[in-house]
Amino acid sequence: MRTDLSKATFIIPIRIESDDRMRNVITSLAFLLENFETNIIVKEVDSRSIFQEDVLPILNDICNVPVDLVHIFEKSHEPLFHRQRVLNEMIMEAKTEIVVNYDCDVILPIESYVLAYTGILENIYDVVYPYGSGLYQKKVAATDITVSKFLETGDYEFLNAVSDESTSDFGWAQFFRRQVYIDGGMENENFKAYAPEDKERYYRFTTLGYKVGRVNDTVYHLEHARGENSWFSNPHMQSNMSEWDKIQNMNREQLLEYYSQQDYLKKYVSL
């Protein structure tokens, strides 16, 4: 029986740049579809839709439930993936009380999803990081066989067996009260491609005074090849770091003033 997370929408930006990234997209989506009654929006930005051509047929083949999700494709030949813009567009597409900024390479324990979800519905938190801070990451060197066995059985030992323990911090997945996400400035589109936006997001929402919580459990990160969209080779890295250096010195009032002046937000909300 699937767990009811019907008041949440998982927003998942993708660009499938490697075979292992495609396997991760299939694995994470199959896991969500099989385990939860929820809403999923996948937005793909690429020169062609690998999701439509290759991922969707596999999901339809391996899932024991209907592949009920929204897939949005934006054709682009731009080499860099502007994840923050894509996330903002999906925040506005979502209609549920909760939105989950969800990395396509992430798996969590079932209970972590539930605790994060109920923590917001019960007004305990506005934002929840569904994993601990510290040595809570399992870096999974996945193979097709590993993920197939995991999806078939739901047994996390198949992931544990090919994992190394590492630190976790602020990325991967966050559950947001949707209106708080919007009121707090959404994703900062001044960050482009790989960036310290995960640190900035945590700093901003805590400094603004929102109720930010954690679930102190493991996050499984399915490893993948890294190009300039997911590593420090990003050509926008210097400007991204300058943005973060500026913001991390702002107090609550300065943050409110700064975000009230951001032109990108005018596409989505009235400032």
Protein backbone atom coordinates (compact mmCIF):
# COMPACT_ATOMS: atom_id res chain seq x y z
CA MET A 1 0.00 0.00 0.00
CA ARG A 2 1.34 3.41 -0.95
CA THR A 3 1.73 6.16 1.64
CA ASP A 4 -0.46 9.23 1.21
CA LEU A 5 1.60 12.33 0.39
CA SER A 6 -1.13 13.81 -1.78
CA LYS A 7 -0.70 17.34 -0.42
CA ALA A 8 2.87 17.46 -1.72
CA THR A 9 4.36 17.96 -5.18
CA PHE A 10 7.87 16.72 -5.90
CA ILE A 11 9.53 19.13 -8.34
CA ILE A 12 12.44 17.47 -10.12
CA PRO A 13 14.61 19.36 -12.63
CA ILE A 14 16.58 17.12 -14.96
CA ARG A 15 19.13 17.06 -17.71
CA ILE A 16 20.23 13.52 -18.48
CA GLU A 17 23.90 13.85 -19.37
CA SER A 18 25.14 10.31 -18.72
CA ASP A 19 23.97 6.70 -18.47
CA ASP A 20 24.29 6.69 -14.68
CA ARG A 21 22.23 9.87 -14.43
CA MET A 22 19.51 8.20 -16.52
CA ARG A 23 19.57 5.17 -14.20
CA ASN A 24 19.27 7.51 -11.21
CA VAL A 25 16.27 9.31 -12.71
CA ILE A 26 14.56 5.97 -13.36
CA THR A 27 15.39 4.69 -9.87
CA SER A 28 14.24 7.75 -7.92
CA LEU A 29 11.03 8.15 -9.92
CA ALA A 30 10.14 4.46 -9.75
CA PHE A 31 10.73 4.59 -6.00
CA LEU A 32 8.45 7.62 -5.53
CA LEU A 33 5.72 6.22 -7.78
CA GLU A 34 5.71 2.80 -6.12
CA ASN A 35 5.76 4.05 -2.54
CA PHE A 36 3.68 7.24 -2.44
CA GLU A 37 0.37 8.63 -3.59
CA THR A 38 1.69 12.05 -4.47
CA ASN A 39 2.24 14.57 -7.25
CA ILE A 40 5.38 14.74 -9.38
CA ILE A 41 6.51 17.36 -11.87
CA VAL A 42 9.62 16.62 -13.93
CA LYS A 43 11.01 19.43 -16.05
CA GLU A 44 13.66 18.52 -18.58
CA VAL A 45 15.76 21.11 -20.40
CA ASP A 46 17.87 19.68 -23.20
CA SER A 47 18.32 19.54 -26.96
CA ARG A 48 16.10 16.42 -27.09
CA SER A 49 13.89 14.64 -24.61
CA ILE A 50 15.80 11.64 -23.35
CA PHE A 51 13.11 11.28 -20.69
CA GLN A 52 10.38 10.85 -23.30
CA GLU A 53 12.46 8.63 -25.55
CA ASP A 54 14.19 6.37 -23.04
CA VAL A 55 13.11 6.91 -19.43
CA LEU A 56 9.34 6.86 -19.73
CA PRO A 57 9.17 3.51 -21.60
CA ILE A 58 11.31 1.88 -18.89
CA LEU A 59 9.19 3.36 -16.09
CA ASN A 60 6.03 2.06 -17.77
CA ASP A 61 7.66 -1.36 -18.01
CA ILE A 62 9.00 -1.70 -14.46
CA CYS A 63 6.40 0.10 -12.34
CA ASN A 64 3.51 -1.81 -10.82
CA VAL A 65 1.46 1.39 -10.63
CA PRO A 66 0.48 3.93 -13.30
CA VAL A 67 3.30 6.34 -14.18
CA ASP A 68 1.28 9.34 -13.09
CA LEU A 69 3.47 12.42 -13.38
CA VAL A 70 3.74 15.66 -15.30
CA HIS A 71 6.68 15.88 -17.69
CA ILE A 72 7.55 19.28 -19.14
CA PHE A 73 10.16 19.49 -21.87
CA GLU A 74 11.96 22.69 -22.81
CA LYS A 75 14.14 22.42 -25.88
CA SER A 76 17.47 24.18 -25.38
CA HIS A 77 20.97 23.96 -26.80
CA GLU A 78 22.40 25.99 -23.92
CA PRO A 79 25.22 23.87 -22.41
CA LEU A 80 24.61 25.05 -18.84
CA PHE A 81 21.54 23.92 -16.92
CA HIS A 82 19.90 26.78 -15.00
CA ARG A 83 18.44 24.60 -12.26
CA GLN A 84 17.24 27.54 -10.15
CA ARG A 85 15.05 28.96 -12.93
CA VAL A 86 13.61 25.53 -13.69
CA LEU A 87 12.75 24.98 -10.03
CA ASN A 88 11.01 28.35 -9.81
CA GLU A 89 8.88 27.55 -12.83
CA MET A 90 7.83 24.27 -11.23
CA ILE A 91 7.05 25.95 -7.89
CA MET A 92 4.52 28.04 -9.78
CA GLU A 93 3.16 24.96 -11.61
CA ALA A 94 2.58 23.14 -8.31
CA LYS A 95 -0.82 23.59 -6.66
CA THR A 96 -0.30 21.68 -3.39
CA GLU A 97 0.39 23.03 0.08
CA ILE A 98 3.84 21.40 0.11
CA VAL A 99 6.50 21.37 -2.59
CA VAL A 100 9.59 19.21 -2.44
CA ASN A 101 12.74 20.45 -4.14
CA TYR A 102 14.00 17.00 -5.07
CA ASP A 103 17.29 15.94 -6.63
CA CYS A 104 16.89 13.12 -9.14
CA ASP A 105 19.80 11.22 -7.54
CA VAL A 106 18.28 10.90 -4.05
CA ILE A 107 16.56 8.15 -2.07
CA LEU A 108 15.48 8.50 1.57
CA PRO A 109 14.02 6.09 4.12
CA ILE A 110 10.23 5.95 3.79
CA GLU A 111 9.76 7.36 7.28
CA SER A 112 11.87 10.43 6.46
CA TYR A 113 9.43 11.49 3.74
CA VAL A 114 6.51 10.99 6.12
CA LEU A 115 8.10 12.91 9.01
CA ALA A 116 9.03 15.84 6.77
CA TYR A 117 5.54 15.93 5.24
CA THR A 118 3.63 15.71 8.51
CA GLY A 119 5.97 18.21 10.16
CA ILE A 120 4.75 20.85 7.72
CA LEU A 121 1.09 19.79 7.69
CA GLU A 122 1.00 19.93 11.50
CA ASN A 123 2.55 23.43 11.45
CA ILE A 124 5.65 22.32 13.32
CA TYR A 125 7.92 23.46 10.49
CA ASP A 126 7.87 25.60 7.37
CA VAL A 127 10.87 23.89 5.80
CA VAL A 128 12.22 20.40 6.50
CA TYR A 129 15.54 18.86 5.50
CA PRO A 130 14.72 15.13 5.51
CA TYR A 131 18.23 13.99 6.50
CA GLY A 132 20.73 14.75 9.22
CA SER A 133 23.64 17.19 9.19
CA GLY A 134 26.94 15.36 9.60
CA LEU A 135 27.82 11.76 8.75
CA TYR A 136 24.38 10.95 7.39
CA GLN A 137 25.12 10.55 3.69
CA LYS A 138 25.49 7.19 1.97
CA LYS A 139 27.31 7.63 -1.34
CA VAL A 140 25.93 4.79 -3.44
CA ALA A 141 28.07 3.27 -6.21
CA ALA A 142 24.96 1.87 -7.86
CA THR A 143 24.71 -0.63 -10.70
CA ASP A 144 21.70 -1.73 -12.71
CA ILE A 145 21.56 -4.94 -10.64
CA THR A 146 21.77 -3.06 -7.34
CA VAL A 147 18.94 -0.67 -8.07
CA SER A 148 16.79 -3.39 -9.62
CA LYS A 149 17.07 -5.50 -6.45
CA PHE A 150 16.36 -2.46 -4.28
CA LEU A 151 13.26 -1.50 -6.26
CA GLU A 152 11.98 -5.09 -6.34
CA THR A 153 12.39 -5.68 -2.60
CA GLY A 154 12.47 -2.27 -0.93
CA ASP A 155 15.44 -3.55 1.06
CA TYR A 156 17.92 -0.73 1.72
CA GLU A 157 20.67 -3.26 2.43
CA PHE A 158 21.19 -3.49 -1.32
CA LEU A 159 22.13 0.21 -1.26
CA ASN A 160 24.08 -0.04 1.99
CA ALA A 161 26.24 -2.82 0.54
CA VAL A 162 27.66 -0.52 -2.16
CA SER A 163 27.79 2.69 -0.10
CA ASP A 164 30.47 4.75 1.59
CA GLU A 165 29.63 6.96 4.54
CA SER A 166 30.10 10.68 3.99
CA THR A 167 28.89 14.03 5.28
CA SER A 168 25.57 15.62 4.44
CA ASP A 169 24.69 19.29 4.57
CA PHE A 170 22.00 21.30 2.76
CA GLY A 171 21.34 19.85 -0.69
CA TRP A 172 19.48 16.86 -2.14
CA ALA A 173 15.91 17.45 -0.97
CA GLN A 174 13.90 19.97 1.00
CA PHE A 175 10.21 19.97 1.90
CA PHE A 176 8.74 23.49 1.77
CA ARG A 177 5.42 25.01 2.65
CA ARG A 178 4.81 26.34 -0.84
CA GLN A 179 3.75 29.83 0.22
CA VAL A 180 6.82 30.15 2.45
CA TYR A 181 9.02 29.14 -0.50
CA ILE A 182 7.45 31.95 -2.55
CA ASP A 183 7.42 34.55 0.23
CA GLY A 184 11.05 33.80 1.08
CA GLY A 185 12.28 34.54 -2.45
CA MET A 186 12.04 31.12 -4.11
CA GLU A 187 15.28 29.96 -5.77
CA ASN A 188 17.93 32.60 -6.37
CA GLU A 189 18.32 32.72 -10.17
CA ASN A 190 21.52 34.72 -9.86
CA PHE A 191 23.15 31.35 -9.21
CA LYS A 192 23.75 29.46 -12.44
CA ALA A 193 24.51 25.75 -12.86
CA TYR A 194 26.66 24.31 -10.04
CA ALA A 195 26.72 26.79 -7.18
CA PRO A 196 26.58 27.21 -3.40
CA GLU A 197 22.83 27.79 -3.66
CA ASP A 198 22.19 24.98 -1.16
CA LYS A 199 24.07 26.85 1.55
CA GLU A 200 22.43 30.14 0.60
CA ARG A 201 18.95 28.65 0.69
CA TYR A 202 19.42 27.29 4.22
CA TYR A 203 20.98 30.54 5.43
CA ARG A 204 18.22 32.64 3.93
CA PHE A 205 15.22 30.74 5.26
CA THR A 206 16.68 30.38 8.74
CA THR A 207 17.77 34.05 8.87
CA LEU A 208 14.32 35.17 7.71
CA GLY A 209 12.89 33.45 10.76
CA TYR A 210 11.03 30.54 9.21
CA LYS A 211 10.71 27.30 11.18
CA VAL A 212 13.38 25.07 9.64
CA GLY A 213 13.72 21.48 10.86
CA ARG A 214 15.53 18.25 10.12
CA VAL A 215 14.92 14.54 10.12
CA ASN A 216 18.09 13.01 11.56
CA ASP A 217 18.39 10.01 9.29
CA THR A 218 20.31 8.86 6.24
CA VAL A 219 20.23 10.30 2.73
CA TYR A 220 21.25 7.96 -0.09
CA HIS A 221 22.97 9.77 -2.94
CA LEU A 222 23.24 7.75 -6.14
CA GLU A 223 26.61 8.75 -7.54
CA HIS A 224 26.99 9.94 -11.14
CA ALA A 225 29.47 11.43 -13.59
CA ARG A 226 30.06 15.14 -13.02
CA GLY A 227 30.35 17.78 -15.71
CA GLU A 228 30.28 21.56 -15.52
CA ASN A 229 26.62 21.51 -14.42
CA SER A 230 27.49 19.56 -11.28
CA TRP A 231 31.04 20.50 -10.38
CA PHE A 232 33.40 23.42 -9.75
CA SER A 233 34.31 23.56 -13.46
CA ASN A 234 31.12 25.58 -13.95
CA PRO A 235 32.22 28.79 -15.78
CA HIS A 236 29.82 30.85 -13.61
CA MET A 237 31.49 29.70 -10.40
CA GLN A 238 33.19 33.01 -9.64
CA SER A 239 30.00 35.06 -9.92
CA ASN A 240 28.11 32.40 -7.97
CA MET A 241 30.62 32.59 -5.14
CA SER A 242 30.44 36.40 -5.17
CA GLU A 243 26.67 36.18 -4.79
CA TRP A 244 27.01 33.83 -1.83
CA ASP A 245 29.75 35.92 -0.20
CA LYS A 246 27.45 38.95 -0.38
CA ILE A 247 24.32 37.23 0.92
CA GLN A 248 25.87 35.39 3.84
CA ASN A 249 26.72 38.72 5.45
CA MET A 250 23.13 39.99 5.31
CA ASN A 251 20.78 40.10 8.29
CA ARG A 252 17.02 39.56 8.08
CA GLU A 253 16.17 43.13 7.09
CA GLN A 254 18.90 43.25 4.47
CA LEU A 255 17.75 39.93 3.00
CA LEU A 256 14.18 41.17 2.75
CA GLU A 257 15.34 44.34 1.02
CA TYR A 258 17.68 42.49 -1.33
CA TYR A 259 15.09 39.96 -2.46
CA SER A 260 12.42 42.63 -2.87
CA GLN A 261 14.62 44.10 -5.60
CA GLN A 262 15.30 40.92 -7.58
CA ASP A 263 14.02 41.27 -11.14
CA TYR A 264 13.72 37.51 -11.68
CA LEU A 265 11.03 37.29 -8.98
CA LYS A 266 8.80 39.69 -10.92
CA LYS A 267 8.16 36.87 -13.41
CA TYR A 268 6.41 34.91 -10.68
CA VAL A 269 5.05 37.20 -7.97
CA SER A 270 4.10 40.82 -7.37
CA LEU A 271 6.78 42.52 -5.27
